[in-house]
């Protein structure tokens, strides 16, 4: 895994779900996955189970953005807000990326930056996902004055996932709540910082995934007990434990 300022190292990937009200860690896991995007639904589902709620709302950073996982969450009653990833081959090459093509729901078509219409032409299966493919006539792209900013091919094609309307709705909700990512950062980063300070090192003391998960569970238990002492007080907490 990549670690800031330290290059790539052999590491475990710690995942936590923290409630925004009391800053308690309601779910956690340790994986050996190098990226986070496959961890959204498992951890959100674990948090939902722990809280025993039919519906919960989850905020996550863009590293967790994955269409299939977001749909799985919504199907399970978990509303998620995750910013889109900024990786784009077109953007990296200095050309228009998909975000500047406006989807017209009424006509099921896209409007390009030059004002031309890209119509839905066919459906294809890509990596297990049903995708709709949109493009305009070759002559339209060939005669476009800004083609060099759009594509190096004979025409620009846009692919749309069959459930992309769900991702569009999430994006609209994010625009309505611009402070969502600030809330996420303020909520989840503090427990991580606290646990790292307590551990006094960037390393776990145990080895093998099973043992590291146990070690992390003990850290989370200690953190939550400390939080509950601050929230309830020591005596009320002890009485609640005895009850």
C-alpha atoms as a PDB file:
ATOM      1  CA  UNK A   1       0.000   0.000   0.000  1.00  0.00           C
ATOM      2  CA  UNK A   2       1.082   3.583  -0.601  1.00  0.00           C
ATOM      3  CA  UNK A   3       1.798   5.588   2.549  1.00  0.00           C
ATOM      4  CA  UNK A   4       2.170   9.347   2.468  1.00  0.00           C
ATOM      5  CA  UNK A   5       5.825  10.342   2.324  1.00  0.00           C
ATOM      6  CA  UNK A   6       6.948   6.759   2.922  1.00  0.00           C
ATOM      7  CA  UNK A   7       6.508   5.168  -0.494  1.00  0.00           C
ATOM      8  CA  UNK A   8       4.856   1.754  -0.681  1.00  0.00           C
ATOM      9  CA  UNK A   9       4.933  -0.625   2.273  1.00  0.00           C
ATOM     10  CA  UNK A  10       3.458  -3.972   3.229  1.00  0.00           C
ATOM     11  CA  UNK A  11       0.498  -2.895   5.349  1.00  0.00           C
ATOM     12  CA  UNK A  12      -2.930  -3.777   6.647  1.00  0.00           C
ATOM     13  CA  UNK A  13      -5.891  -1.616   5.729  1.00  0.00           C
ATOM     14  CA  UNK A  14      -7.924  -0.529   8.773  1.00  0.00           C
ATOM     15  CA  UNK A  15     -11.558   0.420   8.170  1.00  0.00           C
ATOM     16  CA  UNK A  16     -13.811   2.215  10.664  1.00  0.00           C
ATOM     17  CA  UNK A  17     -17.356   3.557  10.691  1.00  0.00           C
ATOM     18  CA  UNK A  18     -17.884   6.330  13.250  1.00  0.00           C
ATOM     19  CA  UNK A  19     -21.202   7.868  14.290  1.00  0.00           C
ATOM     20  CA  UNK A  20     -21.398  11.634  13.799  1.00  0.00           C
ATOM     21  CA  UNK A  21     -23.162  12.371  17.090  1.00  0.00           C
ATOM     22  CA  UNK A  22     -21.020  10.697  19.742  1.00  0.00           C
ATOM     23  CA  UNK A  23     -17.885   9.865  17.697  1.00  0.00           C
ATOM     24  CA  UNK A  24     -18.146   6.211  18.705  1.00  0.00           C
ATOM     25  CA  UNK A  25     -16.690   3.564  16.416  1.00  0.00           C
ATOM     26  CA  UNK A  26     -19.740   1.491  15.486  1.00  0.00           C
ATOM     27  CA  UNK A  27     -18.005  -0.866  13.048  1.00  0.00           C
ATOM     28  CA  UNK A  28     -14.464  -1.710  12.081  1.00  0.00           C
ATOM     29  CA  UNK A  29     -12.423  -4.217  10.121  1.00  0.00           C
ATOM     30  CA  UNK A  30      -8.863  -4.913   9.063  1.00  0.00           C
ATOM     31  CA  UNK A  31      -8.203  -6.112   5.522  1.00  0.00           C
ATOM     32  CA  UNK A  32      -5.210  -6.726   3.301  1.00  0.00           C
ATOM     33  CA  UNK A  33      -6.847  -4.945   0.348  1.00  0.00           C
ATOM     34  CA  UNK A  34      -4.679  -2.208  -1.137  1.00  0.00           C
ATOM     35  CA  UNK A  35      -7.648   0.026  -2.034  1.00  0.00           C
ATOM     36  CA  UNK A  36     -10.854   1.045  -0.257  1.00  0.00           C
ATOM     37  CA  UNK A  37     -13.465   0.911  -3.014  1.00  0.00           C
ATOM     38  CA  UNK A  38     -14.499  -2.679  -2.241  1.00  0.00           C
ATOM     39  CA  UNK A  39     -14.908  -1.950   1.477  1.00  0.00           C
ATOM     40  CA  UNK A  40     -17.864   0.467   1.320  1.00  0.00           C
ATOM     41  CA  UNK A  41     -20.760  -1.989   1.336  1.00  0.00           C
ATOM     42  CA  UNK A  42     -19.287  -4.554   3.798  1.00  0.00           C
ATOM     43  CA  UNK A  43     -18.444  -1.891   6.393  1.00  0.00           C
ATOM     44  CA  UNK A  44     -21.652   0.103   5.878  1.00  0.00           C
ATOM     45  CA  UNK A  45     -23.652  -3.119   6.203  1.00  0.00           C
ATOM     46  CA  UNK A  46     -21.795  -3.993   9.405  1.00  0.00           C
ATOM     47  CA  UNK A  47     -22.559  -0.536  10.819  1.00  0.00           C
ATOM     48  CA  UNK A  48     -26.224  -0.922   9.888  1.00  0.00           C
ATOM     49  CA  UNK A  49     -26.347  -4.311  11.628  1.00  0.00           C
ATOM     50  CA  UNK A  50     -24.629  -2.954  14.741  1.00  0.00           C
ATOM     51  CA  UNK A  51     -27.004   0.001  14.992  1.00  0.00           C
ATOM     52  CA  UNK A  52     -30.005  -2.252  14.247  1.00  0.00           C
ATOM     53  CA  UNK A  53     -31.450   0.326  11.874  1.00  0.00           C
ATOM     54  CA  UNK A  54     -33.347  -0.364   8.658  1.00  0.00           C
ATOM     55  CA  UNK A  55     -31.975   2.831   7.133  1.00  0.00           C
ATOM     56  CA  UNK A  56     -28.737   4.711   7.797  1.00  0.00           C
ATOM     57  CA  UNK A  57     -26.752   7.431   6.042  1.00  0.00           C
ATOM     58  CA  UNK A  58     -23.062   6.969   5.302  1.00  0.00           C
ATOM     59  CA  UNK A  59     -20.462   9.562   4.298  1.00  0.00           C
ATOM     60  CA  UNK A  60     -17.270   8.301   2.671  1.00  0.00           C
ATOM     61  CA  UNK A  61     -14.378   9.862   0.774  1.00  0.00           C
ATOM     62  CA  UNK A  62     -13.839   9.411  -2.954  1.00  0.00           C
ATOM     63  CA  UNK A  63     -11.551   6.424  -2.435  1.00  0.00           C
ATOM     64  CA  UNK A  64     -14.691   4.364  -1.758  1.00  0.00           C
ATOM     65  CA  UNK A  65     -16.436   5.366  -4.983  1.00  0.00           C
ATOM     66  CA  UNK A  66     -17.629   2.292  -6.866  1.00  0.00           C
ATOM     67  CA  UNK A  67     -20.943   2.168  -8.679  1.00  0.00           C
ATOM     68  CA  UNK A  68     -21.814  -1.432  -7.829  1.00  0.00           C
ATOM     69  CA  UNK A  69     -21.055  -0.935  -4.119  1.00  0.00           C
ATOM     70  CA  UNK A  70     -23.123   2.255  -3.997  1.00  0.00           C
ATOM     71  CA  UNK A  71     -26.086   0.436  -5.548  1.00  0.00           C
ATOM     72  CA  UNK A  72     -25.688  -2.455  -3.087  1.00  0.00           C
ATOM     73  CA  UNK A  73     -25.861   0.076  -0.255  1.00  0.00           C
ATOM     74  CA  UNK A  74     -29.030   1.724  -1.542  1.00  0.00           C
ATOM     75  CA  UNK A  75     -30.660  -1.671  -2.106  1.00  0.00           C
ATOM     76  CA  UNK A  76     -29.976  -2.442   1.569  1.00  0.00           C
ATOM     77  CA  UNK A  77     -31.458   0.836   2.824  1.00  0.00           C
ATOM     78  CA  UNK A  78     -28.101   2.570   3.227  1.00  0.00           C
ATOM     79  CA  UNK A  79     -27.970   6.088   1.789  1.00  0.00           C
ATOM     80  CA  UNK A  80     -24.420   6.958   0.828  1.00  0.00           C
ATOM     81  CA  UNK A  81     -22.694  10.178  -0.154  1.00  0.00           C
ATOM     82  CA  UNK A  82     -19.389   9.559  -1.915  1.00  0.00           C
ATOM     83  CA  UNK A  83     -17.677  12.086  -4.238  1.00  0.00           C
ATOM     84  CA  UNK A  84     -16.718  10.848  -7.675  1.00  0.00           C
ATOM     85  CA  UNK A  85     -13.117   9.901  -8.291  1.00  0.00           C
ATOM     86  CA  UNK A  86     -11.071  12.445 -10.233  1.00  0.00           C
ATOM     87  CA  UNK A  87      -9.237   9.894 -12.371  1.00  0.00           C
ATOM     88  CA  UNK A  88      -9.952  10.302 -16.069  1.00  0.00           C
ATOM     89  CA  UNK A  89      -7.751   9.474 -19.041  1.00  0.00           C
ATOM     90  CA  UNK A  90      -9.308  12.304 -21.048  1.00  0.00           C
ATOM     91  CA  UNK A  91      -8.818  14.833 -18.250  1.00  0.00           C
ATOM     92  CA  UNK A  92      -5.234  13.692 -17.722  1.00  0.00           C
ATOM     93  CA  UNK A  93      -4.595  14.274 -21.429  1.00  0.00           C
ATOM     94  CA  UNK A  94      -6.112  17.762 -21.244  1.00  0.00           C
ATOM     95  CA  UNK A  95      -9.320  16.840 -23.059  1.00  0.00           C
ATOM     96  CA  UNK A  96     -12.993  16.970 -22.078  1.00  0.00           C
ATOM     97  CA  UNK A  97     -14.004  14.242 -19.655  1.00  0.00           C
ATOM     98  CA  UNK A  98     -17.461  12.747 -19.312  1.00  0.00           C
ATOM     99  CA  UNK A  99     -18.541  15.263 -16.680  1.00  0.00           C
ATOM    100  CA  UNK A 100     -18.868  18.086 -19.231  1.00  0.00           C
ATOM    101  CA  UNK A 101     -21.324  16.065 -21.308  1.00  0.00           C
ATOM    102  CA  UNK A 102     -24.850  16.817 -20.054  1.00  0.00           C
ATOM    103  CA  UNK A 103     -27.280  13.905 -19.874  1.00  0.00           C
ATOM    104  CA  UNK A 104     -30.800  14.701 -21.135  1.00  0.00           C
ATOM    105  CA  UNK A 105     -33.135  12.337 -19.308  1.00  0.00           C
ATOM    106  CA  UNK A 106     -36.185  13.212 -21.434  1.00  0.00           C
ATOM    107  CA  UNK A 107     -34.528  12.148 -24.685  1.00  0.00           C
ATOM    108  CA  UNK A 108     -32.027   9.661 -23.232  1.00  0.00           C
ATOM    109  CA  UNK A 109     -29.159  11.458 -24.933  1.00  0.00           C
ATOM    110  CA  UNK A 110     -26.065  13.522 -24.118  1.00  0.00           C
ATOM    111  CA  UNK A 111     -25.296  17.119 -25.073  1.00  0.00           C
ATOM    112  CA  UNK A 112     -21.623  17.735 -25.799  1.00  0.00           C
ATOM    113  CA  UNK A 113     -19.681  20.977 -25.076  1.00  0.00           C
ATOM    114  CA  UNK A 114     -20.208  22.012 -28.709  1.00  0.00           C
ATOM    115  CA  UNK A 115     -23.980  21.664 -28.330  1.00  0.00           C
ATOM    116  CA  UNK A 116     -24.316  18.527 -30.448  1.00  0.00           C
ATOM    117  CA  UNK A 117     -26.463  15.532 -29.459  1.00  0.00           C
ATOM    118  CA  UNK A 118     -25.028  12.101 -28.731  1.00  0.00           C
ATOM    119  CA  UNK A 119     -27.814   9.543 -29.123  1.00  0.00           C
ATOM    120  CA  UNK A 120     -27.987   6.101 -27.554  1.00  0.00           C
ATOM    121  CA  UNK A 121     -26.833   3.609 -30.172  1.00  0.00           C
ATOM    122  CA  UNK A 122     -26.411   0.221 -28.532  1.00  0.00           C
ATOM    123  CA  UNK A 123     -26.060  -1.727 -25.278  1.00  0.00           C
ATOM    124  CA  UNK A 124     -22.984  -3.704 -24.292  1.00  0.00           C
ATOM    125  CA  UNK A 125     -21.696  -5.730 -21.361  1.00  0.00           C
ATOM    126  CA  UNK A 126     -18.388  -4.503 -19.926  1.00  0.00           C
ATOM    127  CA  UNK A 127     -16.813  -6.229 -16.922  1.00  0.00           C
ATOM    128  CA  UNK A 128     -20.213  -7.553 -15.901  1.00  0.00           C
ATOM    129  CA  UNK A 129     -21.918  -4.147 -16.150  1.00  0.00           C
ATOM    130  CA  UNK A 130     -24.669  -3.316 -18.636  1.00  0.00           C
ATOM    131  CA  UNK A 131     -23.570  -0.139 -20.428  1.00  0.00           C
ATOM    132  CA  UNK A 132     -25.417   2.132 -22.866  1.00  0.00           C
ATOM    133  CA  UNK A 133     -23.191   3.665 -25.551  1.00  0.00           C
ATOM    134  CA  UNK A 134     -23.909   7.141 -26.972  1.00  0.00           C
ATOM    135  CA  UNK A 135     -22.369   8.950 -29.934  1.00  0.00           C
ATOM    136  CA  UNK A 136     -23.244  11.257 -32.809  1.00  0.00           C
ATOM    137  CA  UNK A 137     -22.558  10.882 -36.523  1.00  0.00           C
ATOM    138  CA  UNK A 138     -18.918  10.711 -37.607  1.00  0.00           C
ATOM    139  CA  UNK A 139     -19.424  13.775 -39.809  1.00  0.00           C
ATOM    140  CA  UNK A 140     -20.535  15.849 -36.815  1.00  0.00           C
ATOM    141  CA  UNK A 141     -17.347  15.109 -34.885  1.00  0.00           C
ATOM    142  CA  UNK A 142     -15.133  15.443 -37.960  1.00  0.00           C
ATOM    143  CA  UNK A 143     -16.343  19.002 -38.612  1.00  0.00           C
ATOM    144  CA  UNK A 144     -16.346  20.093 -34.955  1.00  0.00           C
ATOM    145  CA  UNK A 145     -14.150  23.117 -34.224  1.00  0.00           C
ATOM    146  CA  UNK A 146     -13.196  21.821 -30.759  1.00  0.00           C
ATOM    147  CA  UNK A 147     -12.653  18.154 -31.652  1.00  0.00           C
ATOM    148  CA  UNK A 148      -9.005  18.340 -30.595  1.00  0.00           C
ATOM    149  CA  UNK A 149     -10.189  19.113 -27.048  1.00  0.00           C
ATOM    150  CA  UNK A 150     -12.551  16.146 -27.080  1.00  0.00           C
ATOM    151  CA  UNK A 151     -11.131  13.030 -28.712  1.00  0.00           C
ATOM    152  CA  UNK A 152      -8.374  11.658 -30.910  1.00  0.00           C
ATOM    153  CA  UNK A 153     -10.765   9.078 -32.403  1.00  0.00           C
ATOM    154  CA  UNK A 154     -13.075   9.663 -35.346  1.00  0.00           C
ATOM    155  CA  UNK A 155     -15.915  10.349 -32.903  1.00  0.00           C
ATOM    156  CA  UNK A 156     -16.479  10.696 -29.164  1.00  0.00           C
ATOM    157  CA  UNK A 157     -18.377   7.914 -27.406  1.00  0.00           C
ATOM    158  CA  UNK A 158     -19.937   8.146 -23.957  1.00  0.00           C
ATOM    159  CA  UNK A 159     -20.752   5.081 -21.882  1.00  0.00           C
ATOM    160  CA  UNK A 160     -23.525   5.123 -19.281  1.00  0.00           C
ATOM    161  CA  UNK A 161     -24.116   2.401 -16.698  1.00  0.00           C
ATOM    162  CA  UNK A 162     -27.685   1.096 -16.503  1.00  0.00           C
ATOM    163  CA  UNK A 163     -27.921   2.323 -12.872  1.00  0.00           C
ATOM    164  CA  UNK A 164     -26.108   5.616 -13.398  1.00  0.00           C
ATOM    165  CA  UNK A 165     -29.252   7.573 -12.505  1.00  0.00           C
ATOM    166  CA  UNK A 166     -28.580   6.484  -8.918  1.00  0.00           C
ATOM    167  CA  UNK A 167     -25.088   7.973  -9.082  1.00  0.00           C
ATOM    168  CA  UNK A 168     -26.486  11.176 -10.612  1.00  0.00           C
ATOM    169  CA  UNK A 169     -28.980  11.487  -7.741  1.00  0.00           C
ATOM    170  CA  UNK A 170     -26.191  11.025  -5.211  1.00  0.00           C
ATOM    171  CA  UNK A 171     -24.134  13.720  -6.951  1.00  0.00           C
ATOM    172  CA  UNK A 172     -27.085  16.129  -6.761  1.00  0.00           C
ATOM    173  CA  UNK A 173     -27.496  15.388  -3.055  1.00  0.00           C
ATOM    174  CA  UNK A 174     -23.797  16.092  -2.504  1.00  0.00           C
ATOM    175  CA  UNK A 175     -24.193  19.498  -4.132  1.00  0.00           C
ATOM    176  CA  UNK A 176     -27.024  20.258  -1.683  1.00  0.00           C
ATOM    177  CA  UNK A 177     -24.800  19.338   1.275  1.00  0.00           C
ATOM    178  CA  UNK A 178     -21.392  20.894   0.516  1.00  0.00           C
ATOM    179  CA  UNK A 179     -20.234  20.378   4.109  1.00  0.00           C
ATOM    180  CA  UNK A 180     -20.740  16.590   3.961  1.00  0.00           C
ATOM    181  CA  UNK A 181     -17.063  15.816   3.411  1.00  0.00           C
ATOM    182  CA  UNK A 182     -16.031  18.203   6.186  1.00  0.00           C
ATOM    183  CA  UNK A 183     -18.378  16.358   8.544  1.00  0.00           C
ATOM    184  CA  UNK A 184     -16.883  13.057   7.396  1.00  0.00           C
ATOM    185  CA  UNK A 185     -13.335  14.259   8.002  1.00  0.00           C
ATOM    186  CA  UNK A 186     -14.123  15.719  11.436  1.00  0.00           C
ATOM    187  CA  UNK A 187     -15.911  12.523  12.444  1.00  0.00           C
ATOM    188  CA  UNK A 188     -13.658   9.707  11.291  1.00  0.00           C
ATOM    189  CA  UNK A 189     -10.176  11.241  11.361  1.00  0.00           C
ATOM    190  CA  UNK A 190     -10.145  11.990  15.101  1.00  0.00           C
ATOM    191  CA  UNK A 191     -10.535   8.356  16.230  1.00  0.00           C
ATOM    192  CA  UNK A 192      -7.766   7.319  13.838  1.00  0.00           C
ATOM    193  CA  UNK A 193      -5.462  10.003  15.201  1.00  0.00           C
ATOM    194  CA  UNK A 194      -6.276   9.052  18.781  1.00  0.00           C
ATOM    195  CA  UNK A 195      -5.660   5.353  18.209  1.00  0.00           C
ATOM    196  CA  UNK A 196      -2.347   6.010  16.464  1.00  0.00           C
ATOM    197  CA  UNK A 197      -1.243   8.214  19.359  1.00  0.00           C
ATOM    198  CA  UNK A 198      -2.148   5.498  21.856  1.00  0.00           C
ATOM    199  CA  UNK A 199      -0.337   2.820  19.879  1.00  0.00           C
ATOM    200  CA  UNK A 200       2.776   4.969  19.817  1.00  0.00           C
ATOM    201  CA  UNK A 201       3.846   3.488  16.512  1.00  0.00           C
ATOM    202  CA  UNK A 202       2.755   2.999  12.929  1.00  0.00           C
ATOM    203  CA  UNK A 203       2.932  -0.785  13.380  1.00  0.00           C
ATOM    204  CA  UNK A 204       0.691  -3.409  14.960  1.00  0.00           C
ATOM    205  CA  UNK A 205       2.312  -5.594  17.593  1.00  0.00           C
ATOM    206  CA  UNK A 206       0.905  -8.854  16.238  1.00  0.00           C
ATOM    207  CA  UNK A 207       1.269 -10.656  12.929  1.00  0.00           C
ATOM    208  CA  UNK A 208      -1.169 -12.405  10.580  1.00  0.00           C
ATOM    209  CA  UNK A 209      -4.536 -10.962   9.695  1.00  0.00           C
ATOM    210  CA  UNK A 210      -6.546 -12.843  12.333  1.00  0.00           C
ATOM    211  CA  UNK A 211      -4.295 -11.635  15.152  1.00  0.00           C
ATOM    212  CA  UNK A 212      -4.152  -8.069  13.854  1.00  0.00           C
ATOM    213  CA  UNK A 213      -7.958  -7.966  13.728  1.00  0.00           C
ATOM    214  CA  UNK A 214      -8.071  -9.048  17.370  1.00  0.00           C
ATOM    215  CA  UNK A 215      -5.523  -6.396  18.307  1.00  0.00           C
ATOM    216  CA  UNK A 216      -7.518  -3.731  16.483  1.00  0.00           C
ATOM    217  CA  UNK A 217     -10.714  -4.839  18.243  1.00  0.00           C
ATOM    218  CA  UNK A 218      -9.036  -4.261  21.600  1.00  0.00           C
ATOM    219  CA  UNK A 219      -7.965  -0.770  20.543  1.00  0.00           C
ATOM    220  CA  UNK A 220     -11.517   0.020  19.392  1.00  0.00           C
ATOM    221  CA  UNK A 221     -12.977  -1.312  22.652  1.00  0.00           C
ATOM    222  CA  UNK A 222     -10.616   0.878  24.677  1.00  0.00           C
ATOM    223  CA  UNK A 223     -11.421   3.913  22.541  1.00  0.00           C
ATOM    224  CA  UNK A 224     -15.180   3.436  22.847  1.00  0.00           C
ATOM    225  CA  UNK A 225     -14.967   2.928  26.618  1.00  0.00           C
ATOM    226  CA  UNK A 226     -12.967   6.144  26.906  1.00  0.00           C
ATOM    227  CA  UNK A 227     -15.571   7.964  24.800  1.00  0.00           C
ATOM    228  CA  UNK A 228     -18.421   6.585  26.904  1.00  0.00           C
ATOM    229  CA  UNK A 229     -16.691   7.795  30.072  1.00  0.00           C
ATOM    230  CA  UNK A 230     -16.562  11.280  28.572  1.00  0.00           C
ATOM    231  CA  UNK A 231     -20.188  11.138  27.442  1.00  0.00           C
ATOM    232  CA  UNK A 232     -21.835   9.471  30.463  1.00  0.00           C
ATOM    233  CA  UNK A 233     -19.330   9.730  33.279  1.00  0.00           C
ATOM    234  CA  UNK A 234     -17.566   6.799  34.961  1.00  0.00           C
ATOM    235  CA  UNK A 235     -20.219   5.942  37.571  1.00  0.00           C
ATOM    236  CA  UNK A 236     -23.238   5.952  35.202  1.00  0.00           C
ATOM    237  CA  UNK A 237     -21.222   3.891  32.712  1.00  0.00           C
ATOM    238  CA  UNK A 238     -20.341   1.294  35.354  1.00  0.00           C
ATOM    239  CA  UNK A 239     -23.990   1.119  36.408  1.00  0.00           C
ATOM    240  CA  UNK A 240     -25.060   0.649  32.797  1.00  0.00           C
ATOM    241  CA  UNK A 241     -22.499  -2.151  32.339  1.00  0.00           C
ATOM    242  CA  UNK A 242     -23.687  -3.940  35.485  1.00  0.00           C
ATOM    243  CA  UNK A 243     -27.306  -3.635  34.351  1.00  0.00           C
END
